[in-house]
Amino acid sequence: MLPGVLAALLLTANIAASQEDTTPKKRLRSQAIVKGFIGGESHDSYVIRASKGRTMIVQISWRREGDNRAEFTIRESQDFFDSEPVKFGKASDNSRHWTGKIPRTGIYYIYVTGYPAAHYTLKVNVN
């Protein structure tokens, strides 16, 4: 193999590996309150099992320090970097509150990010 081609392949493999989500997923129960600190390029990962027809409610709040903020997304993929938010549910209160009726029984992932950093409280309830 040509040295330039080999170098390009190794670079591509390193970029893909650097985007692999290896963040541990913390398992949540149907009623959970978790507190954390997040910032920079990182994210906290949570996983919850929910049954079809149930309603999931997710809320986030954070300690205000300057103009910082915390956000969450709900996805069906365990890979933060290679997934899109779920297509059901509705956000309100400037995306601090989300409610959705679960369309199919499964595992759902909640990812929390902070900009630039935030001490947050995440509340999750599945009725």
C-alpha atoms as a PDB file:
ATOM      1  CA  MET A   1       0.000   0.000   0.000  1.00  0.00           C
ATOM      2  CA  LEU A   2       1.273   3.481  -0.814  1.00  0.00           C
ATOM      3  CA  PRO A   3       2.490   5.419   2.243  1.00  0.00           C
ATOM      4  CA  GLY A   4       0.144   8.370   1.510  1.00  0.00           C
ATOM      5  CA  VAL A   5      -2.894   6.094   1.225  1.00  0.00           C
ATOM      6  CA  LEU A   6      -1.954   4.281   4.427  1.00  0.00           C
ATOM      7  CA  ALA A   7      -1.566   7.600   6.266  1.00  0.00           C
ATOM      8  CA  ALA A   8      -4.969   8.780   4.981  1.00  0.00           C
ATOM      9  CA  LEU A   9      -6.618   5.538   6.138  1.00  0.00           C
ATOM     10  CA  LEU A  10      -5.048   5.826   9.592  1.00  0.00           C
ATOM     11  CA  LEU A  11      -6.123   9.470   9.883  1.00  0.00           C
ATOM     12  CA  THR A  12      -9.700   8.565   8.879  1.00  0.00           C
ATOM     13  CA  ALA A  13      -9.769   5.732  11.443  1.00  0.00           C
ATOM     14  CA  ASN A  14      -8.487   8.067  14.185  1.00  0.00           C
ATOM     15  CA  ILE A  15     -11.126  10.702  13.388  1.00  0.00           C
ATOM     16  CA  ALA A  16     -13.903   8.080  13.476  1.00  0.00           C
ATOM     17  CA  ALA A  17     -12.594   6.645  16.735  1.00  0.00           C
ATOM     18  CA  SER A  18     -12.423  10.092  18.319  1.00  0.00           C
ATOM     19  CA  GLN A  19     -16.142  10.562  17.580  1.00  0.00           C
ATOM     20  CA  GLU A  20     -17.192   7.265  19.150  1.00  0.00           C
ATOM     21  CA  ASP A  21     -19.384   7.850  22.199  1.00  0.00           C
ATOM     22  CA  THR A  22     -17.757   6.032  25.101  1.00  0.00           C
ATOM     23  CA  THR A  23     -19.500   8.069  27.800  1.00  0.00           C
ATOM     24  CA  PRO A  24     -20.961   5.743  30.462  1.00  0.00           C
ATOM     25  CA  LYS A  25     -24.770   5.743  30.419  1.00  0.00           C
ATOM     26  CA  LYS A  26     -26.340   6.122  33.851  1.00  0.00           C
ATOM     27  CA  ARG A  27     -29.539   4.069  34.141  1.00  0.00           C
ATOM     28  CA  LEU A  28     -32.632   5.930  35.369  1.00  0.00           C
ATOM     29  CA  ARG A  29     -35.850   4.635  36.887  1.00  0.00           C
ATOM     30  CA  SER A  30     -39.304   5.893  35.869  1.00  0.00           C
ATOM     31  CA  GLN A  31     -39.085   8.695  38.443  1.00  0.00           C
ATOM     32  CA  ALA A  32     -35.609  10.134  38.762  1.00  0.00           C
ATOM     33  CA  ILE A  33     -33.869  13.299  39.865  1.00  0.00           C
ATOM     34  CA  VAL A  34     -30.162  13.561  39.078  1.00  0.00           C
ATOM     35  CA  LYS A  35     -27.690  16.344  39.661  1.00  0.00           C
ATOM     36  CA  GLY A  36     -24.493  16.879  37.756  1.00  0.00           C
ATOM     37  CA  PHE A  37     -21.893  19.260  36.419  1.00  0.00           C
ATOM     38  CA  ILE A  38     -21.150  19.438  32.710  1.00  0.00           C
ATOM     39  CA  GLY A  39     -19.309  21.737  30.362  1.00  0.00           C
ATOM     40  CA  GLY A  40     -16.991  22.137  27.443  1.00  0.00           C
ATOM     41  CA  GLU A  41     -17.122  19.497  24.740  1.00  0.00           C
ATOM     42  CA  SER A  42     -18.484  16.770  27.035  1.00  0.00           C
ATOM     43  CA  HIS A  43     -21.954  15.414  27.734  1.00  0.00           C
ATOM     44  CA  ASP A  44     -23.623  13.328  30.426  1.00  0.00           C
ATOM     45  CA  SER A  45     -25.591  10.292  29.253  1.00  0.00           C
ATOM     46  CA  TYR A  46     -28.662   8.721  30.817  1.00  0.00           C
ATOM     47  CA  VAL A  47     -30.722   5.749  29.709  1.00  0.00           C
ATOM     48  CA  ILE A  48     -34.302   4.838  30.559  1.00  0.00           C
ATOM     49  CA  ARG A  49     -36.673   2.107  29.405  1.00  0.00           C
ATOM     50  CA  ALA A  50     -40.191   3.271  28.601  1.00  0.00           C
ATOM     51  CA  SER A  51     -43.298   1.383  27.485  1.00  0.00           C
ATOM     52  CA  LYS A  52     -45.513   2.250  24.544  1.00  0.00           C
ATOM     53  CA  GLY A  53     -48.378   4.591  25.458  1.00  0.00           C
ATOM     54  CA  ARG A  54     -46.677   6.010  28.539  1.00  0.00           C
ATOM     55  CA  THR A  55     -45.893   9.714  28.847  1.00  0.00           C
ATOM     56  CA  MET A  56     -42.324  10.787  29.529  1.00  0.00           C
ATOM     57  CA  ILE A  57     -41.667  14.189  31.079  1.00  0.00           C
ATOM     58  CA  VAL A  58     -38.139  15.602  31.234  1.00  0.00           C
ATOM     59  CA  GLN A  59     -37.181  18.880  32.915  1.00  0.00           C
ATOM     60  CA  ILE A  60     -33.837  20.599  33.393  1.00  0.00           C
ATOM     61  CA  SER A  61     -32.748  23.473  35.587  1.00  0.00           C
ATOM     62  CA  TRP A  62     -29.305  24.828  36.356  1.00  0.00           C
ATOM     63  CA  ARG A  63     -27.460  27.165  38.657  1.00  0.00           C
ATOM     64  CA  ARG A  64     -27.193  30.519  36.888  1.00  0.00           C
ATOM     65  CA  GLU A  65     -23.628  31.762  36.576  1.00  0.00           C
ATOM     66  CA  GLY A  66     -23.303  34.550  34.025  1.00  0.00           C
ATOM     67  CA  ASP A  67     -25.089  33.533  30.835  1.00  0.00           C
ATOM     68  CA  ASN A  68     -24.437  29.802  31.149  1.00  0.00           C
ATOM     69  CA  ARG A  69     -27.065  27.210  30.251  1.00  0.00           C
ATOM     70  CA  ALA A  70     -27.748  23.493  30.281  1.00  0.00           C
ATOM     71  CA  GLU A  71     -29.663  21.564  27.628  1.00  0.00           C
ATOM     72  CA  PHE A  72     -30.830  18.026  26.989  1.00  0.00           C
ATOM     73  CA  THR A  73     -31.823  15.944  23.995  1.00  0.00           C
ATOM     74  CA  ILE A  74     -33.733  12.673  23.901  1.00  0.00           C
ATOM     75  CA  ARG A  75     -32.645  10.076  21.368  1.00  0.00           C
ATOM     76  CA  GLU A  76     -33.149   6.438  20.519  1.00  0.00           C
ATOM     77  CA  SER A  77     -29.459   5.849  19.799  1.00  0.00           C
ATOM     78  CA  GLN A  78     -26.789   5.097  22.356  1.00  0.00           C
ATOM     79  CA  ASP A  79     -24.313   7.082  20.248  1.00  0.00           C
ATOM     80  CA  PHE A  80     -24.484  10.820  20.972  1.00  0.00           C
ATOM     81  CA  PHE A  81     -22.457  11.654  17.858  1.00  0.00           C
ATOM     82  CA  ASP A  82     -24.434   9.575  15.380  1.00  0.00           C
ATOM     83  CA  SER A  83     -28.076  10.178  16.115  1.00  0.00           C
ATOM     84  CA  GLU A  84     -30.924  12.633  15.914  1.00  0.00           C
ATOM     85  CA  PRO A  85     -33.416  13.683  18.578  1.00  0.00           C
ATOM     86  CA  VAL A  86     -36.672  11.712  18.751  1.00  0.00           C
ATOM     87  CA  LYS A  87     -39.386  12.935  16.402  1.00  0.00           C
ATOM     88  CA  PHE A  88     -42.189  12.768  18.978  1.00  0.00           C
ATOM     89  CA  GLY A  89     -42.873  15.000  21.961  1.00  0.00           C
ATOM     90  CA  LYS A  90     -42.923  18.728  22.494  1.00  0.00           C
ATOM     91  CA  ALA A  91     -40.517  21.106  24.202  1.00  0.00           C
ATOM     92  CA  SER A  92     -41.657  24.161  26.155  1.00  0.00           C
ATOM     93  CA  ASP A  93     -40.300  26.801  28.543  1.00  0.00           C
ATOM     94  CA  ASN A  94     -37.331  27.572  26.248  1.00  0.00           C
ATOM     95  CA  SER A  95     -36.600  23.818  25.910  1.00  0.00           C
ATOM     96  CA  ARG A  96     -36.311  23.337  29.679  1.00  0.00           C
ATOM     97  CA  HIS A  97     -39.379  21.066  29.702  1.00  0.00           C
ATOM     98  CA  TRP A  98     -40.248  18.242  27.302  1.00  0.00           C
ATOM     99  CA  THR A  99     -43.290  15.941  27.224  1.00  0.00           C
ATOM    100  CA  GLY A 100     -43.842  13.040  24.862  1.00  0.00           C
ATOM    101  CA  LYS A 101     -46.075   9.996  24.496  1.00  0.00           C
ATOM    102  CA  ILE A 102     -43.887   6.940  23.922  1.00  0.00           C
ATOM    103  CA  PRO A 103     -44.690   5.477  20.465  1.00  0.00           C
ATOM    104  CA  ARG A 104     -42.998   2.104  21.040  1.00  0.00           C
ATOM    105  CA  THR A 105     -41.523   0.236  23.977  1.00  0.00           C
ATOM    106  CA  GLY A 106     -37.782   0.666  24.067  1.00  0.00           C
ATOM    107  CA  ILE A 107     -34.682   2.253  25.436  1.00  0.00           C
ATOM    108  CA  TYR A 108     -34.356   6.044  25.299  1.00  0.00           C
ATOM    109  CA  TYR A 109     -31.209   8.085  25.867  1.00  0.00           C
ATOM    110  CA  ILE A 110     -31.091  11.537  27.444  1.00  0.00           C
ATOM    111  CA  TYR A 111     -27.956  13.579  26.791  1.00  0.00           C
ATOM    112  CA  VAL A 112     -27.124  16.693  28.829  1.00  0.00           C
ATOM    113  CA  THR A 113     -24.712  19.412  27.695  1.00  0.00           C
ATOM    114  CA  GLY A 114     -23.658  22.686  29.309  1.00  0.00           C
ATOM    115  CA  TYR A 115     -22.397  25.939  27.811  1.00  0.00           C
ATOM    116  CA  PRO A 116     -19.832  26.907  28.874  1.00  0.00           C
ATOM    117  CA  ALA A 117     -20.474  24.853  32.033  1.00  0.00           C
ATOM    118  CA  ALA A 118     -23.395  24.281  34.394  1.00  0.00           C
ATOM    119  CA  HIS A 119     -24.418  22.587  37.613  1.00  0.00           C
ATOM    120  CA  TYR A 120     -27.749  21.044  36.612  1.00  0.00           C
ATOM    121  CA  THR A 121     -30.718  19.123  37.957  1.00  0.00           C
ATOM    122  CA  LEU A 122     -32.500  16.737  35.588  1.00  0.00           C
ATOM    123  CA  LYS A 123     -35.950  15.360  36.455  1.00  0.00           C
ATOM    124  CA  VAL A 124     -37.397  12.442  34.503  1.00  0.00           C
ATOM    125  CA  ASN A 125     -40.835  10.945  35.013  1.00  0.00           C
ATOM    126  CA  VAL A 126     -42.535   8.194  33.006  1.00  0.00           C
ATOM    127  CA  ASN A 127     -46.260   7.810  33.799  1.00  0.00           C
END
